[in-house]
Protein backbone atom coordinates (compact mmCIF):
# COMPACT_ATOMS: atom_id res chain seq x y z
CA UNK A 1 0.02 -17.17 -0.40
CA UNK A 2 -2.16 -18.83 2.22
CA UNK A 3 -3.49 -21.71 0.11
CA UNK A 4 -6.97 -20.29 0.58
CA UNK A 5 -9.48 -19.03 -1.99
CA UNK A 6 -9.01 -15.39 -2.88
CA UNK A 7 -10.88 -12.99 -0.62
CA UNK A 8 -11.37 -10.05 -2.98
CA UNK A 9 -12.03 -9.03 -6.55
CA UNK A 10 -10.07 -6.19 -8.11
CA UNK A 11 -11.15 -3.88 -10.92
CA UNK A 12 -8.55 -1.55 -12.43
CA UNK A 13 -9.46 2.10 -13.05
CA UNK A 14 -6.57 2.49 -15.48
CA UNK A 15 -3.99 0.45 -17.35
CA UNK A 16 -2.32 -1.89 -14.87
CA UNK A 17 0.26 -4.62 -14.58
CA UNK A 18 -0.34 -7.74 -12.55
CA UNK A 19 2.07 -10.19 -11.00
CA UNK A 20 0.96 -13.80 -11.13
CA UNK A 21 2.67 -16.13 -8.70
CA UNK A 22 2.50 -19.80 -9.58
CA UNK A 23 2.62 -21.84 -6.36
CA UNK A 24 3.76 -24.99 -8.17
CA UNK A 25 6.71 -23.13 -9.68
CA UNK A 26 7.66 -21.73 -6.28
CA UNK A 27 7.59 -25.22 -4.80
CA UNK A 28 10.00 -26.38 -7.52
CA UNK A 29 12.64 -23.81 -6.51
CA UNK A 30 15.53 -24.73 -4.27
CA UNK A 31 15.84 -23.02 -0.89
CA UNK A 32 18.08 -20.26 -2.25
CA UNK A 33 15.60 -19.52 -5.05
CA UNK A 34 12.66 -19.46 -2.63
CA UNK A 35 14.54 -17.17 -0.25
CA UNK A 36 15.48 -14.80 -3.08
CA UNK A 37 11.89 -14.71 -4.32
CA UNK A 38 10.51 -14.03 -0.84
CA UNK A 39 13.07 -11.29 -0.24
CA UNK A 40 12.16 -9.58 -3.53
CA UNK A 41 8.41 -9.78 -2.82
CA UNK A 42 8.80 -8.48 0.74
CA UNK A 43 10.96 -5.61 -0.49
CA UNK A 44 8.37 -4.71 -3.13
CA UNK A 45 5.54 -4.73 -0.57
CA UNK A 46 7.63 -2.71 1.89
CA UNK A 47 8.30 -0.06 -0.77
CA UNK A 48 4.61 0.13 -1.68
CA UNK A 49 3.57 0.39 1.98
CA UNK A 50 6.21 3.03 2.70
CA UNK A 51 4.97 5.11 -0.25
CA UNK A 52 1.34 4.78 0.85
CA UNK A 53 2.23 5.73 4.42
CA UNK A 54 4.11 8.81 3.19
CA UNK A 55 1.13 9.92 1.06
CA UNK A 56 -1.31 9.28 3.91
CA UNK A 57 0.87 11.24 6.34
CA UNK A 58 1.04 14.17 3.92
CA UNK A 59 -2.74 14.16 3.51
CA UNK A 60 -3.21 13.93 7.29
CA UNK A 61 -0.87 16.87 7.85
CA UNK A 62 -2.67 18.99 5.24
CA UNK A 63 -6.06 18.10 6.73
CA UNK A 64 -4.90 19.13 10.21
CA UNK A 65 -3.55 22.40 8.85
CA UNK A 66 -6.90 23.09 7.17
CA UNK A 67 -8.76 22.29 10.39
CA UNK A 68 -6.58 24.74 12.31
CA UNK A 69 -7.10 27.40 9.64
CA UNK A 70 -10.87 26.92 9.78
CA UNK A 71 -10.88 27.05 13.59
CA UNK A 72 -9.07 30.40 13.46
CA UNK A 73 -11.53 31.66 10.86
CA UNK A 74 -14.50 30.64 12.98
CA UNK A 75 -12.92 32.23 16.07
CA UNK A 76 -12.37 35.49 14.17
CA UNK A 77 -16.01 35.52 13.08
CA UNK A 78 -17.12 35.14 16.72
CA UNK A 79 -15.13 38.22 17.77
């Protein structure tokens, strides 16, 4: 995407699918094809990020609820 060497190595923990994007093929597309490809990729990333944000928010909410529960428990032990 940035015409730079990759910056990470990935190891799958389970069966996975990978998307390979050939830069030469992308360059051969007309403007409409490039725009359609970019729109599809951005939509895919947006959906993934939205899902991850939702999961993180749920975990954050549960963690805060547990912290509040533990604070009340500690307070009741002090009394």
